[in-house]
Amino acid sequence: MRPRPMAVVLAVLTVAACGGVADTHTHTAGVRHEDTIRYVSVRGCSDPDEWPPSACGNWRLATHGGEIQELADAWVEPLNAEGKQLKQAQAPIEVSGDGRHVAYFRKSDNRLVVREVGGQVHAMAADVLPRGFGMDDVKLMLSQDGTRLGVIYYEERKEPTRVYDTTTGVLLWTAPWDVEFYGFSGDAGELLAYREGDDFRIADLYVFGPPGELLHRKPSGEGVALAPYALAADGTTTAAVTSGHQGEGTDVVVYDLTSGRITTRLPVPLESLHTIAWTGPAQITIHDHHKEGNAPTQVRVLQIDTTTKKITTRDAYTVLPDSLTFESCGG
């Protein structure tokens, strides 16, 4: 299919595209399910003498309706602190869990922006990259609903993580640099992080809220996976994938940070876990990837009802076979 520029789309949405949760925000409420983003990818160049391969063309937004839209104003290869374009590297890009927002660095002015499906583009504060920092020094993290953007600087830079309002571009709060962040809570109110302990089987989990306040700290406990975790909207309930019974298969576990206990354990067959997110009060969404050899990556999106323990496949698709790299929506 021939790519087309990202277009303005108007209609009525009742269920979010990627996260599977109803929208409570008005600025993207006119977007149809089929116009929301499934994943973003970039084509790899076909020069057999080049390794590692470089990216060719623009980032491409693959929608639920089967459209491929080119994101022509986004940097594909990042600029470093000296303004040099880094070949054979990819600039940070992030899709929100609901599939209605994409964050990236804009070519025209190098600003970090968040584009809504529907056309509006919001620039974040001009000092997102401190002096001496390049696009290659950060990674981006959008909340499930796309209203919050976390800018995380690589640990060796020792720069606090920043949280921005994606509509106004205003810096809301910061969080410590010396922990690893998993993502926002289901309601975008908190950030979940961890730090490995002396015992590799146990990590300390942290929950930070505005204005960077530490709300909870708890050891993960043996038998709970070190990564990744997801934090529910209540700010205390987490979910993770770990080894199954007697080390066979994989289980999803629900872990209460208040009591330090596993409250739910459910076998879920997975090939390669990509993301896990809370997309409702009793709903967990998992992206599972499968790739063999040179074949295109296969993606399954599973939804788990933690009350009934029912597992359903919400979506399944094949990533464009010429993709050098891709990022699926987070929820």
C-alpha atoms as a PDB file:
ATOM      1  CA  MET A   1       0.000   0.000   0.000  1.00  0.00           C
ATOM      2  CA  ARG A   2       1.308   3.446  -0.915  1.00  0.00           C
ATOM      3  CA  PRO A   3       1.885   5.641   2.156  1.00  0.00           C
ATOM      4  CA  ARG A   4      -0.086   8.858   2.447  1.00  0.00           C
ATOM      5  CA  PRO A   5       0.565  11.918   4.634  1.00  0.00           C
ATOM      6  CA  MET A   6      -0.968  11.872   8.103  1.00  0.00           C
ATOM      7  CA  ALA A   7      -4.456  13.270   7.630  1.00  0.00           C
ATOM      8  CA  VAL A   8      -7.102  14.951   9.750  1.00  0.00           C
ATOM      9  CA  VAL A   9      -9.718  12.393  10.740  1.00  0.00           C
ATOM     10  CA  LEU A  10     -13.095  13.096  12.329  1.00  0.00           C
ATOM     11  CA  ALA A  11     -15.768  10.714  13.596  1.00  0.00           C
ATOM     12  CA  VAL A  12     -16.967   9.177  16.867  1.00  0.00           C
ATOM     13  CA  LEU A  13     -14.860   6.906  19.088  1.00  0.00           C
ATOM     14  CA  THR A  14     -16.316   4.676  21.770  1.00  0.00           C
ATOM     15  CA  VAL A  15     -13.371   2.358  22.499  1.00  0.00           C
ATOM     16  CA  ALA A  16      -9.683   3.219  22.434  1.00  0.00           C
ATOM     17  CA  ALA A  17      -7.677   1.583  19.683  1.00  0.00           C
ATOM     18  CA  CYS A  18      -4.688   0.136  21.434  1.00  0.00           C
ATOM     19  CA  GLY A  19      -5.567   0.234  25.084  1.00  0.00           C
ATOM     20  CA  GLY A  20      -9.131  -0.950  24.765  1.00  0.00           C
ATOM     21  CA  VAL A  21     -10.442   1.552  27.312  1.00  0.00           C
ATOM     22  CA  ALA A  22     -13.077   4.217  26.863  1.00  0.00           C
ATOM     23  CA  ASP A  23     -11.772   7.751  26.287  1.00  0.00           C
ATOM     24  CA  THR A  24     -12.404  10.366  28.956  1.00  0.00           C
ATOM     25  CA  HIS A  25     -10.441  13.144  27.245  1.00  0.00           C
ATOM     26  CA  THR A  26     -11.975  15.502  24.718  1.00  0.00           C
ATOM     27  CA  HIS A  27      -9.022  16.528  22.552  1.00  0.00           C
ATOM     28  CA  THR A  28      -8.913  13.190  20.670  1.00  0.00           C
ATOM     29  CA  ALA A  29     -12.525  12.093  21.158  1.00  0.00           C
ATOM     30  CA  GLY A  30     -13.353  12.576  17.468  1.00  0.00           C
ATOM     31  CA  VAL A  31     -10.982   9.883  16.205  1.00  0.00           C
ATOM     32  CA  ARG A  32     -12.227   6.638  14.701  1.00  0.00           C
ATOM     33  CA  HIS A  33     -10.798   3.325  15.851  1.00  0.00           C
ATOM     34  CA  GLU A  34      -9.510   2.506  12.360  1.00  0.00           C
ATOM     35  CA  ASP A  35      -7.518   5.769  12.230  1.00  0.00           C
ATOM     36  CA  THR A  36      -5.560   5.119  15.416  1.00  0.00           C
ATOM     37  CA  ILE A  37      -1.979   3.835  15.424  1.00  0.00           C
ATOM     38  CA  ARG A  38      -1.176   0.150  15.690  1.00  0.00           C
ATOM     39  CA  TYR A  39       2.580   0.605  15.428  1.00  0.00           C
ATOM     40  CA  VAL A  40       5.276   2.833  13.919  1.00  0.00           C
ATOM     41  CA  SER A  41       8.163   1.497  11.831  1.00  0.00           C
ATOM     42  CA  VAL A  42      10.918   2.587   9.478  1.00  0.00           C
ATOM     43  CA  ARG A  43      12.188   0.765   6.410  1.00  0.00           C
ATOM     44  CA  GLY A  44      15.705  -0.663   6.377  1.00  0.00           C
ATOM     45  CA  CYS A  45      18.048   0.079   3.471  1.00  0.00           C
ATOM     46  CA  SER A  46      18.831  -2.928   1.303  1.00  0.00           C
ATOM     47  CA  ASP A  47      22.586  -2.410   0.829  1.00  0.00           C
ATOM     48  CA  PRO A  48      24.067  -5.881   1.533  1.00  0.00           C
ATOM     49  CA  ASP A  49      27.520  -4.406   2.212  1.00  0.00           C
ATOM     50  CA  GLU A  50      26.318  -2.180   5.053  1.00  0.00           C
ATOM     51  CA  TRP A  51      26.197  -3.484   8.618  1.00  0.00           C
ATOM     52  CA  PRO A  52      24.473  -2.556  10.754  1.00  0.00           C
ATOM     53  CA  PRO A  53      21.863  -1.424   8.222  1.00  0.00           C
ATOM     54  CA  SER A  54      20.607   2.159   8.052  1.00  0.00           C
ATOM     55  CA  ALA A  55      17.064   3.445   7.956  1.00  0.00           C
ATOM     56  CA  CYS A  56      15.566   4.614   4.667  1.00  0.00           C
ATOM     57  CA  GLY A  57      12.680   7.021   4.244  1.00  0.00           C
ATOM     58  CA  ASN A  58      10.337   8.367   6.927  1.00  0.00           C
ATOM     59  CA  TRP A  59       8.749   6.804   9.981  1.00  0.00           C
ATOM     60  CA  ARG A  60       5.526   5.047   8.980  1.00  0.00           C
ATOM     61  CA  LEU A  61       2.375   4.904  11.064  1.00  0.00           C
ATOM     62  CA  ALA A  62       0.396   1.704  10.553  1.00  0.00           C
ATOM     63  CA  THR A  63      -3.247   2.180  11.528  1.00  0.00           C
ATOM     64  CA  HIS A  64      -5.911  -0.262  12.640  1.00  0.00           C
ATOM     65  CA  GLY A  65      -7.724   0.409   9.378  1.00  0.00           C
ATOM     66  CA  GLY A  66      -4.763  -0.880   7.350  1.00  0.00           C
ATOM     67  CA  GLU A  67      -3.462   2.524   6.202  1.00  0.00           C
ATOM     68  CA  ILE A  68       0.246   3.369   6.130  1.00  0.00           C
ATOM     69  CA  GLN A  69       0.846   7.060   6.866  1.00  0.00           C
ATOM     70  CA  GLU A  70       4.248   8.714   6.533  1.00  0.00           C
ATOM     71  CA  LEU A  71       5.404  10.903   9.403  1.00  0.00           C
ATOM     72  CA  ALA A  72       7.489  13.214   7.234  1.00  0.00           C
ATOM     73  CA  ASP A  73       8.339  15.836   9.895  1.00  0.00           C
ATOM     74  CA  ALA A  74      10.020  13.431  12.360  1.00  0.00           C
ATOM     75  CA  TRP A  75      13.751  12.819  12.661  1.00  0.00           C
ATOM     76  CA  VAL A  76      14.580   9.203  11.821  1.00  0.00           C
ATOM     77  CA  GLU A  77      18.310   9.406  12.543  1.00  0.00           C
ATOM     78  CA  PRO A  78      19.016  11.412  15.711  1.00  0.00           C
ATOM     79  CA  LEU A  79      21.163  14.514  16.104  1.00  0.00           C
ATOM     80  CA  ASN A  80      23.831  14.307  18.778  1.00  0.00           C
ATOM     81  CA  ALA A  81      24.836  17.125  21.132  1.00  0.00           C
ATOM     82  CA  GLU A  82      27.017  18.694  18.396  1.00  0.00           C
ATOM     83  CA  GLY A  83      24.145  18.640  15.917  1.00  0.00           C
ATOM     84  CA  LYS A  84      25.633  15.788  13.884  1.00  0.00           C
ATOM     85  CA  GLN A  85      23.205  13.305  12.375  1.00  0.00           C
ATOM     86  CA  LEU A  86      23.988   9.786  13.602  1.00  0.00           C
ATOM     87  CA  LYS A  87      23.770   7.237  10.824  1.00  0.00           C
ATOM     88  CA  GLN A  88      22.796   3.666  11.692  1.00  0.00           C
ATOM     89  CA  ALA A  89      20.899   4.900  14.759  1.00  0.00           C
ATOM     90  CA  GLN A  90      17.215   5.698  15.222  1.00  0.00           C
ATOM     91  CA  ALA A  91      15.812   8.800  16.876  1.00  0.00           C
ATOM     92  CA  PRO A  92      13.460   8.162  19.825  1.00  0.00           C
ATOM     93  CA  ILE A  93       9.786   7.780  18.986  1.00  0.00           C
ATOM     94  CA  GLU A  94       6.882   6.624  21.145  1.00  0.00           C
ATOM     95  CA  VAL A  95       3.222   5.727  20.600  1.00  0.00           C
ATOM     96  CA  SER A  96       0.717   6.054  23.437  1.00  0.00           C
ATOM     97  CA  GLY A  97      -1.172   3.019  24.664  1.00  0.00           C
ATOM     98  CA  ASP A  98      -4.448   4.275  23.202  1.00  0.00           C
ATOM     99  CA  GLY A  99      -2.829   4.657  19.778  1.00  0.00           C
ATOM    100  CA  ARG A 100      -3.870   8.310  19.490  1.00  0.00           C
ATOM    101  CA  HIS A 101      -0.586  10.120  20.213  1.00  0.00           C
ATOM    102  CA  VAL A 102       2.949   9.854  18.883  1.00  0.00           C
ATOM    103  CA  ALA A 103       5.964  11.657  20.391  1.00  0.00           C
ATOM    104  CA  TYR A 104       9.083  12.472  18.356  1.00  0.00           C
ATOM    105  CA  PHE A 105      11.685  15.135  17.540  1.00  0.00           C
ATOM    106  CA  ARG A 106      10.542  17.488  14.753  1.00  0.00           C
ATOM    107  CA  LYS A 107      12.877  18.149  11.835  1.00  0.00           C
ATOM    108  CA  SER A 108      12.049  21.813  11.293  1.00  0.00           C
ATOM    109  CA  ASP A 109      13.220  23.057  14.698  1.00  0.00           C
ATOM    110  CA  ASN A 110      14.475  19.938  16.569  1.00  0.00           C
ATOM    111  CA  ARG A 111      11.724  20.382  19.170  1.00  0.00           C
ATOM    112  CA  LEU A 112      10.197  17.431  20.980  1.00  0.00           C
ATOM    113  CA  VAL A 113       6.530  17.293  19.980  1.00  0.00           C
ATOM    114  CA  VAL A 114       3.458  15.154  20.552  1.00  0.00           C
ATOM    115  CA  ARG A 115       1.157  14.726  17.554  1.00  0.00           C
ATOM    116  CA  GLU A 116      -2.454  13.719  18.039  1.00  0.00           C
ATOM    117  CA  VAL A 117      -4.180  11.497  15.533  1.00  0.00           C
ATOM    118  CA  GLY A 118      -6.444  14.171  14.100  1.00  0.00           C
ATOM    119  CA  GLY A 119      -3.704  16.656  13.302  1.00  0.00           C
ATOM    120  CA  GLN A 120      -2.846  18.795  16.337  1.00  0.00           C
ATOM    121  CA  VAL A 121       0.850  18.991  17.200  1.00  0.00           C
ATOM    122  CA  HIS A 122       1.998  20.184  20.633  1.00  0.00           C
ATOM    123  CA  ALA A 123       5.613  21.282  21.257  1.00  0.00           C
ATOM    124  CA  MET A 124       7.170  20.500  24.619  1.00  0.00           C
ATOM    125  CA  ALA A 125       9.301  23.064  26.473  1.00  0.00           C
ATOM    126  CA  ALA A 126      12.316  24.247  24.470  1.00  0.00           C
ATOM    127  CA  ASP A 127      14.822  23.041  27.084  1.00  0.00           C
ATOM    128  CA  VAL A 128      13.871  19.345  26.939  1.00  0.00           C
ATOM    129  CA  LEU A 129      17.445  18.689  25.819  1.00  0.00           C
ATOM    130  CA  PRO A 130      19.779  20.412  28.322  1.00  0.00           C
ATOM    131  CA  ARG A 131      23.019  21.923  27.038  1.00  0.00           C
ATOM    132  CA  GLY A 132      25.379  19.154  25.980  1.00  0.00           C
ATOM    133  CA  PHE A 133      22.581  16.615  25.352  1.00  0.00           C
ATOM    134  CA  GLY A 134      21.532  15.118  22.028  1.00  0.00           C
ATOM    135  CA  MET A 135      18.491  13.216  20.854  1.00  0.00           C
ATOM    136  CA  ASP A 136      20.520  10.053  21.357  1.00  0.00           C
ATOM    137  CA  ASP A 137      20.720  10.732  25.106  1.00  0.00           C
ATOM    138  CA  VAL A 138      17.010  10.249  25.834  1.00  0.00           C
ATOM    139  CA  LYS A 139      14.165   7.807  25.588  1.00  0.00           C
ATOM    140  CA  LEU A 140      10.482   8.735  25.572  1.00  0.00           C
ATOM    141  CA  MET A 141       7.560   7.299  27.525  1.00  0.00           C
ATOM    142  CA  LEU A 142       3.914   8.265  26.923  1.00  0.00           C
ATOM    143  CA  SER A 143       1.096   7.494  29.323  1.00  0.00           C
ATOM    144  CA  GLN A 144      -1.716   5.186  28.260  1.00  0.00           C
ATOM    145  CA  ASP A 145      -3.995   8.115  27.362  1.00  0.00           C
ATOM    146  CA  GLY A 146      -1.203  10.225  25.879  1.00  0.00           C
ATOM    147  CA  THR A 147      -1.707  13.137  28.282  1.00  0.00           C
ATOM    148  CA  ARG A 148       1.720  12.751  29.951  1.00  0.00           C
ATOM    149  CA  LEU A 149       5.162  12.371  28.415  1.00  0.00           C
ATOM    150  CA  GLY A 150       8.164  11.143  30.352  1.00  0.00           C
ATOM    151  CA  VAL A 151      11.601  12.163  29.074  1.00  0.00           C
ATOM    152  CA  ILE A 152      14.185   9.782  30.504  1.00  0.00           C
ATOM    153  CA  TYR A 153      17.885  10.543  30.176  1.00  0.00           C
ATOM    154  CA  TYR A 154      20.358   7.712  30.093  1.00  0.00           C
ATOM    155  CA  GLU A 155      21.740   6.960  33.539  1.00  0.00           C
ATOM    156  CA  GLU A 156      25.303   8.048  32.901  1.00  0.00           C
ATOM    157  CA  ARG A 157      24.044  11.602  32.272  1.00  0.00           C
ATOM    158  CA  LYS A 158      22.602  11.809  35.818  1.00  0.00           C
ATOM    159  CA  GLU A 159      19.740  14.076  34.733  1.00  0.00           C
ATOM    160  CA  PRO A 160      16.349  13.773  36.513  1.00  0.00           C
ATOM    161  CA  THR A 161      13.470  12.293  34.542  1.00  0.00           C
ATOM    162  CA  ARG A 162      10.974  14.936  33.421  1.00  0.00           C
ATOM    163  CA  VAL A 163       7.195  14.646  33.084  1.00  0.00           C
ATOM    164  CA  TYR A 164       5.397  16.969  30.664  1.00  0.00           C
ATOM    165  CA  ASP A 165       1.776  17.833  29.976  1.00  0.00           C
ATOM    166  CA  THR A 166       1.408  16.870  26.308  1.00  0.00           C
ATOM    167  CA  THR A 167      -1.241  19.496  25.535  1.00  0.00           C
ATOM    168  CA  THR A 168       0.486  22.556  27.006  1.00  0.00           C
ATOM    169  CA  GLY A 169       4.081  21.311  26.788  1.00  0.00           C
ATOM    170  CA  VAL A 170       4.648  22.483  30.364  1.00  0.00           C
ATOM    171  CA  LEU A 171       7.040  20.637  32.687  1.00  0.00           C
ATOM    172  CA  LEU A 172       4.910  19.209  35.514  1.00  0.00           C
ATOM    173  CA  TRP A 173       7.447  17.463  37.726  1.00  0.00           C
ATOM    174  CA  THR A 174      10.701  15.535  37.854  1.00  0.00           C
ATOM    175  CA  ALA A 175      11.783  12.186  39.291  1.00  0.00           C
ATOM    176  CA  PRO A 176      15.205  10.805  40.336  1.00  0.00           C
ATOM    177  CA  TRP A 177      17.695   9.774  37.659  1.00  0.00           C
ATOM    178  CA  ASP A 178      19.135   6.737  39.473  1.00  0.00           C
ATOM    179  CA  VAL A 179      16.175   4.345  39.069  1.00  0.00           C
ATOM    180  CA  GLU A 180      14.874   2.525  35.986  1.00  0.00           C
ATOM    181  CA  PHE A 181      11.401   3.603  34.916  1.00  0.00           C
ATOM    182  CA  TYR A 182       8.789   1.135  33.680  1.00  0.00           C
ATOM    183  CA  GLY A 183       6.036   3.581  32.844  1.00  0.00           C
ATOM    184  CA  PHE A 184       3.038   5.541  34.030  1.00  0.00           C
ATOM    185  CA  SER A 185       0.186   4.187  36.107  1.00  0.00           C
ATOM    186  CA  GLY A 186      -3.100   3.408  34.382  1.00  0.00           C
ATOM    187  CA  ASP A 187      -4.420   6.918  35.098  1.00  0.00           C
ATOM    188  CA  ALA A 188      -1.107   8.686  34.285  1.00  0.00           C
ATOM    189  CA  GLY A 189      -0.877  10.008  37.849  1.00  0.00           C
ATOM    190  CA  GLU A 190       2.263   8.146  38.975  1.00  0.00           C
ATOM    191  CA  LEU A 191       5.485   6.657  37.609  1.00  0.00           C
ATOM    192  CA  LEU A 192       6.637   3.123  38.419  1.00  0.00           C
ATOM    193  CA  ALA A 193      10.375   2.477  38.737  1.00  0.00           C
ATOM    194  CA  TYR A 194      12.778  -0.115  40.099  1.00  0.00           C
ATOM    195  CA  ARG A 195      16.338  -0.570  41.260  1.00  0.00           C
ATOM    196  CA  GLU A 196      18.039  -3.960  41.403  1.00  0.00           C
ATOM    197  CA  GLY A 197      19.226  -5.145  44.789  1.00  0.00           C
ATOM    198  CA  ASP A 198      22.201  -7.253  45.822  1.00  0.00           C
ATOM    199  CA  ASP A 199      20.068 -10.360  45.301  1.00  0.00           C
ATOM    200  CA  PHE A 200      19.344 -10.591  41.569  1.00  0.00           C
ATOM    201  CA  ARG A 201      15.988 -12.248  42.339  1.00  0.00           C
ATOM    202  CA  ILE A 202      14.674  -9.209  44.200  1.00  0.00           C
ATOM    203  CA  ALA A 203      14.349  -5.599  43.096  1.00  0.00           C
ATOM    204  CA  ASP A 204      13.054  -2.551  44.926  1.00  0.00           C
ATOM    205  CA  LEU A 205       9.925  -1.106  43.298  1.00  0.00           C
ATOM    206  CA  TYR A 206       9.266   2.636  43.576  1.00  0.00           C
ATOM    207  CA  VAL A 207       6.174   4.704  42.854  1.00  0.00           C
ATOM    208  CA  PHE A 208       6.676   8.433  42.318  1.00  0.00           C
ATOM    209  CA  GLY A 209       3.976  11.073  42.046  1.00  0.00           C
ATOM    210  CA  PRO A 210       3.904  14.854  41.656  1.00  0.00           C
ATOM    211  CA  PRO A 211       6.076  16.750  42.376  1.00  0.00           C
ATOM    212  CA  GLY A 212       8.507  13.812  42.297  1.00  0.00           C
ATOM    213  CA  GLU A 213       7.440  12.543  45.718  1.00  0.00           C
ATOM    214  CA  LEU A 214       8.222   8.935  46.616  1.00  0.00           C
ATOM    215  CA  LEU A 215       4.839   7.379  47.381  1.00  0.00           C
ATOM    216  CA  HIS A 216       5.790   3.709  47.767  1.00  0.00           C
ATOM    217  CA  ARG A 217       8.906   1.577  47.987  1.00  0.00           C
ATOM    218  CA  LYS A 218       8.700  -2.173  48.278  1.00  0.00           C
ATOM    219  CA  PRO A 219      10.878  -5.187  47.431  1.00  0.00           C
ATOM    220  CA  SER A 220       9.378  -7.156  44.574  1.00  0.00           C
ATOM    221  CA  GLY A 221       9.721 -10.422  46.455  1.00  0.00           C
ATOM    222  CA  GLU A 222      11.028 -13.742  45.199  1.00  0.00           C
ATOM    223  CA  GLY A 223       8.995 -15.342  42.439  1.00  0.00           C
ATOM    224  CA  VAL A 224       8.071 -11.994  40.907  1.00  0.00           C
ATOM    225  CA  ALA A 225       9.725 -10.967  37.643  1.00  0.00           C
ATOM    226  CA  LEU A 226      12.261  -8.154  37.635  1.00  0.00           C
ATOM    227  CA  ALA A 227      10.952  -6.649  34.380  1.00  0.00           C
ATOM    228  CA  PRO A 228       8.750  -5.339  33.047  1.00  0.00           C
ATOM    229  CA  TYR A 229       6.062  -4.223  35.493  1.00  0.00           C
ATOM    230  CA  ALA A 230       2.832  -2.277  35.013  1.00  0.00           C
ATOM    231  CA  LEU A 231       1.141  -0.056  37.589  1.00  0.00           C
ATOM    232  CA  ALA A 232      -2.638   0.159  37.920  1.00  0.00           C
ATOM    233  CA  ALA A 233      -4.554   3.417  38.323  1.00  0.00           C
ATOM    234  CA  ASP A 234      -4.765   2.895  42.106  1.00  0.00           C
ATOM    235  CA  GLY A 235      -1.006   3.438  42.344  1.00  0.00           C
ATOM    236  CA  THR A 236      -0.401   0.298  44.457  1.00  0.00           C
ATOM    237  CA  THR A 237      -1.343  -2.699  42.284  1.00  0.00           C
ATOM    238  CA  THR A 238       1.277  -3.977  39.847  1.00  0.00           C
ATOM    239  CA  ALA A 239       1.353  -6.698  37.207  1.00  0.00           C
ATOM    240  CA  ALA A 240       4.302  -8.632  35.806  1.00  0.00           C
ATOM    241  CA  VAL A 241       5.153 -11.746  33.813  1.00  0.00           C
ATOM    242  CA  THR A 242       7.276 -14.415  35.464  1.00  0.00           C
ATOM    243  CA  SER A 243       8.160 -18.087  35.084  1.00  0.00           C
ATOM    244  CA  GLY A 244       5.294 -20.505  35.471  1.00  0.00           C
ATOM    245  CA  HIS A 245       4.851 -23.357  37.921  1.00  0.00           C
ATOM    246  CA  GLN A 246       8.080 -25.325  38.387  1.00  0.00           C
ATOM    247  CA  GLY A 247       9.770 -23.049  35.854  1.00  0.00           C
ATOM    248  CA  GLU A 248       7.553 -24.119  32.948  1.00  0.00           C
ATOM    249  CA  GLY A 249       5.782 -21.581  30.753  1.00  0.00           C
ATOM    250  CA  THR A 250       4.903 -18.060  31.843  1.00  0.00           C
ATOM    251  CA  ASP A 251       2.484 -16.621  34.385  1.00  0.00           C
ATOM    252  CA  VAL A 252       0.999 -13.180  34.848  1.00  0.00           C
ATOM    253  CA  VAL A 253       1.081 -12.167  38.492  1.00  0.00           C
ATOM    254  CA  VAL A 254      -0.720  -9.311  40.236  1.00  0.00           C
ATOM    255  CA  TYR A 255       1.335  -7.919  43.106  1.00  0.00           C
ATOM    256  CA  ASP A 256       0.109  -5.603  45.874  1.00  0.00           C
ATOM    257  CA  LEU A 257       2.732  -3.044  46.881  1.00  0.00           C
ATOM    258  CA  THR A 258       0.939  -2.326  50.153  1.00  0.00           C
ATOM    259  CA  SER A 259       0.922  -5.869  51.509  1.00  0.00           C
ATOM    260  CA  GLY A 260       3.856  -7.216  49.493  1.00  0.00           C
ATOM    261  CA  ARG A 261       1.758 -10.207  48.425  1.00  0.00           C
ATOM    262  CA  ILE A 262       0.881 -11.800  45.097  1.00  0.00           C
ATOM    263  CA  THR A 263      -2.921 -11.635  44.862  1.00  0.00           C
ATOM    264  CA  THR A 264      -3.452 -13.292  41.465  1.00  0.00           C
ATOM    265  CA  ARG A 265      -1.434 -15.758  39.404  1.00  0.00           C
ATOM    266  CA  LEU A 266      -2.539 -16.858  35.944  1.00  0.00           C
ATOM    267  CA  PRO A 267      -0.757 -19.007  33.314  1.00  0.00           C
ATOM    268  CA  VAL A 268      -0.445 -17.103  30.008  1.00  0.00           C
ATOM    269  CA  PRO A 269       1.444 -18.674  27.072  1.00  0.00           C
ATOM    270  CA  LEU A 270       3.839 -16.106  25.591  1.00  0.00           C
ATOM    271  CA  GLU A 271       6.559 -16.152  22.938  1.00  0.00           C
ATOM    272  CA  SER A 272       8.399 -12.904  23.712  1.00  0.00           C
ATOM    273  CA  LEU A 273       6.864 -10.324  26.035  1.00  0.00           C
ATOM    274  CA  HIS A 274       7.109  -6.775  24.649  1.00  0.00           C
ATOM    275  CA  THR A 275       4.852  -4.674  26.874  1.00  0.00           C
ATOM    276  CA  ILE A 276       2.422  -5.112  29.746  1.00  0.00           C
ATOM    277  CA  ALA A 277      -0.056  -2.422  30.834  1.00  0.00           C
ATOM    278  CA  TRP A 278      -3.122  -1.888  32.981  1.00  0.00           C
ATOM    279  CA  THR A 279      -5.897  -0.778  30.631  1.00  0.00           C
ATOM    280  CA  GLY A 280      -8.784  -0.963  33.104  1.00  0.00           C
ATOM    281  CA  PRO A 281      -9.443  -1.534  36.821  1.00  0.00           C
ATOM    282  CA  ALA A 282      -9.343  -5.300  36.286  1.00  0.00           C
ATOM    283  CA  GLN A 283      -7.819  -5.483  32.801  1.00  0.00           C
ATOM    284  CA  ILE A 284      -4.210  -6.152  31.766  1.00  0.00           C
ATOM    285  CA  THR A 285      -3.062  -5.846  28.149  1.00  0.00           C
ATOM    286  CA  ILE A 286       0.030  -7.632  26.836  1.00  0.00           C
ATOM    287  CA  HIS A 287       1.884  -7.297  23.537  1.00  0.00           C
ATOM    288  CA  ASP A 288       3.546 -10.585  22.605  1.00  0.00           C
ATOM    289  CA  HIS A 289       6.049 -10.765  19.722  1.00  0.00           C
ATOM    290  CA  HIS A 290       7.174 -13.740  17.676  1.00  0.00           C
ATOM    291  CA  LYS A 291       9.903 -13.735  15.024  1.00  0.00           C
ATOM    292  CA  GLU A 292      11.687 -16.568  13.245  1.00  0.00           C
ATOM    293  CA  GLY A 293      14.733 -15.953  11.083  1.00  0.00           C
ATOM    294  CA  ASN A 294      14.129 -13.337   8.399  1.00  0.00           C
ATOM    295  CA  ALA A 295      10.368 -13.650   8.599  1.00  0.00           C
ATOM    296  CA  PRO A 296       8.370 -10.537   9.625  1.00  0.00           C
ATOM    297  CA  THR A 297       7.543 -10.083  13.301  1.00  0.00           C
ATOM    298  CA  GLN A 298       4.144 -11.417  14.372  1.00  0.00           C
ATOM    299  CA  VAL A 299       2.337  -9.521  17.148  1.00  0.00           C
ATOM    300  CA  ARG A 300      -0.473 -10.746  19.403  1.00  0.00           C
ATOM    301  CA  VAL A 301      -2.303  -8.372  21.736  1.00  0.00           C
ATOM    302  CA  LEU A 302      -3.829 -10.211  24.697  1.00  0.00           C
ATOM    303  CA  GLN A 303      -6.329  -8.904  27.223  1.00  0.00           C
ATOM    304  CA  ILE A 304      -6.621 -10.477  30.652  1.00  0.00           C
ATOM    305  CA  ASP A 305      -9.569 -10.010  32.980  1.00  0.00           C
ATOM    306  CA  THR A 306      -8.046 -10.354  36.449  1.00  0.00           C
ATOM    307  CA  THR A 307     -11.485 -10.972  38.014  1.00  0.00           C
ATOM    308  CA  THR A 308     -12.713 -13.767  35.739  1.00  0.00           C
ATOM    309  CA  LYS A 309      -9.178 -14.802  34.644  1.00  0.00           C
ATOM    310  CA  LYS A 310     -10.412 -14.899  31.060  1.00  0.00           C
ATOM    311  CA  ILE A 311      -7.785 -14.312  28.342  1.00  0.00           C
ATOM    312  CA  THR A 312      -8.802 -12.991  24.918  1.00  0.00           C
ATOM    313  CA  THR A 313      -6.812 -12.090  21.808  1.00  0.00           C
ATOM    314  CA  ARG A 314      -7.789  -8.503  21.054  1.00  0.00           C
ATOM    315  CA  ASP A 315      -5.627  -8.076  17.976  1.00  0.00           C
ATOM    316  CA  ALA A 316      -3.053  -9.899  15.866  1.00  0.00           C
ATOM    317  CA  TYR A 317      -0.975  -8.537  12.997  1.00  0.00           C
ATOM    318  CA  THR A 318       2.237  -8.838  11.010  1.00  0.00           C
ATOM    319  CA  VAL A 319       4.723  -5.960  11.003  1.00  0.00           C
ATOM    320  CA  LEU A 320       5.744  -4.636   7.577  1.00  0.00           C
ATOM    321  CA  PRO A 321       8.414  -7.090   6.377  1.00  0.00           C
ATOM    322  CA  ASP A 322      10.899  -4.380   5.319  1.00  0.00           C
ATOM    323  CA  SER A 323      10.924  -2.798   8.803  1.00  0.00           C
ATOM    324  CA  LEU A 324      14.335  -2.098  10.301  1.00  0.00           C
ATOM    325  CA  THR A 325      12.753  -1.366  13.679  1.00  0.00           C
ATOM    326  CA  PHE A 326       9.257  -0.738  15.025  1.00  0.00           C
ATOM    327  CA  GLU A 327       7.404   0.374  18.129  1.00  0.00           C
ATOM    328  CA  SER A 328       3.896  -0.841  18.884  1.00  0.00           C
ATOM    329  CA  CYS A 329       1.453   1.101  21.017  1.00  0.00           C
ATOM    330  CA  GLY A 330       2.086   0.683  24.708  1.00  0.00           C
ATOM    331  CA  GLY A 331      -1.234  -0.722  25.903  1.00  0.00           C
END
